[in-house]
Amino acid sequence: MQNRPALRAHKLMAYAIALAALLAVFALYTRPDFLVTLADQVWACF
């Protein structure tokens, strides 16, 4: 049998980490200089 409180805590921690990562990516996209650098790097691949 699984330890339900520990499983719930791990699942909650995973969701919190995923949310933090998504918020960090969103914060980067609000910076125009980051978007220009990203576009330049993608364009350099071709």
C-alpha atoms as a PDB file:
ATOM      1  CA  MET A   1       0.000   0.000   0.000  1.00  0.00           C
ATOM      2  CA  GLN A   2       1.241   3.450  -0.859  1.00  0.00           C
ATOM      3  CA  ASN A   3       1.839   6.143   1.673  1.00  0.00           C
ATOM      4  CA  ARG A   4      -0.935   8.542   0.640  1.00  0.00           C
ATOM      5  CA  PRO A   5       0.225  11.724   2.453  1.00  0.00           C
ATOM      6  CA  ALA A   6       3.768  11.359   1.097  1.00  0.00           C
ATOM      7  CA  LEU A   7       2.453  10.686  -2.421  1.00  0.00           C
ATOM      8  CA  ARG A   8       0.215  13.733  -2.186  1.00  0.00           C
ATOM      9  CA  ALA A   9       3.118  15.885  -0.980  1.00  0.00           C
ATOM     10  CA  HIS A  10       5.324  14.715  -3.863  1.00  0.00           C
ATOM     11  CA  LYS A  11       2.582  15.405  -6.386  1.00  0.00           C
ATOM     12  CA  LEU A  12       1.991  18.864  -4.921  1.00  0.00           C
ATOM     13  CA  MET A  13       5.724  19.589  -5.027  1.00  0.00           C
ATOM     14  CA  ALA A  14       5.901  18.489  -8.679  1.00  0.00           C
ATOM     15  CA  TYR A  15       3.014  20.799  -9.576  1.00  0.00           C
ATOM     16  CA  ALA A  16       4.663  23.681  -7.708  1.00  0.00           C
ATOM     17  CA  ILE A  17       7.952  23.153  -9.554  1.00  0.00           C
ATOM     18  CA  ALA A  18       6.163  22.959 -12.909  1.00  0.00           C
ATOM     19  CA  LEU A  19       4.248  26.156 -12.148  1.00  0.00           C
ATOM     20  CA  ALA A  20       7.436  27.947 -11.126  1.00  0.00           C
ATOM     21  CA  ALA A  21       9.125  26.869 -14.369  1.00  0.00           C
ATOM     22  CA  LEU A  22       6.180  28.088 -16.446  1.00  0.00           C
ATOM     23  CA  LEU A  23       6.139  31.426 -14.638  1.00  0.00           C
ATOM     24  CA  ALA A  24       9.885  31.819 -15.182  1.00  0.00           C
ATOM     25  CA  VAL A  25       9.483  31.192 -18.920  1.00  0.00           C
ATOM     26  CA  PHE A  26       6.595  33.664 -19.057  1.00  0.00           C
ATOM     27  CA  ALA A  27       8.719  36.266 -17.272  1.00  0.00           C
ATOM     28  CA  LEU A  28      11.470  35.813 -19.867  1.00  0.00           C
ATOM     29  CA  TYR A  29       9.027  36.339 -22.714  1.00  0.00           C
ATOM     30  CA  THR A  30       8.025  39.733 -21.310  1.00  0.00           C
ATOM     31  CA  ARG A  31      11.597  40.964 -21.914  1.00  0.00           C
ATOM     32  CA  PRO A  32      12.005  42.165 -25.517  1.00  0.00           C
ATOM     33  CA  ASP A  33      15.792  41.753 -25.521  1.00  0.00           C
ATOM     34  CA  PHE A  34      15.383  38.072 -24.665  1.00  0.00           C
ATOM     35  CA  LEU A  35      12.959  37.602 -27.532  1.00  0.00           C
ATOM     36  CA  VAL A  36      15.354  39.245 -29.991  1.00  0.00           C
ATOM     37  CA  THR A  37      18.233  37.072 -28.784  1.00  0.00           C
ATOM     38  CA  LEU A  38      16.083  33.946 -29.017  1.00  0.00           C
ATOM     39  CA  ALA A  39      14.953  34.857 -32.535  1.00  0.00           C
ATOM     40  CA  ASP A  40      18.551  35.481 -33.599  1.00  0.00           C
ATOM     41  CA  GLN A  41      19.641  32.099 -32.239  1.00  0.00           C
ATOM     42  CA  VAL A  42      16.784  30.267 -33.961  1.00  0.00           C
ATOM     43  CA  TRP A  43      17.499  32.103 -37.225  1.00  0.00           C
ATOM     44  CA  ALA A  44      21.190  31.184 -36.961  1.00  0.00           C
ATOM     45  CA  CYS A  45      20.222  27.491 -37.087  1.00  0.00           C
ATOM     46  CA  PHE A  46      19.041  27.924 -40.674  1.00  0.00           C
END
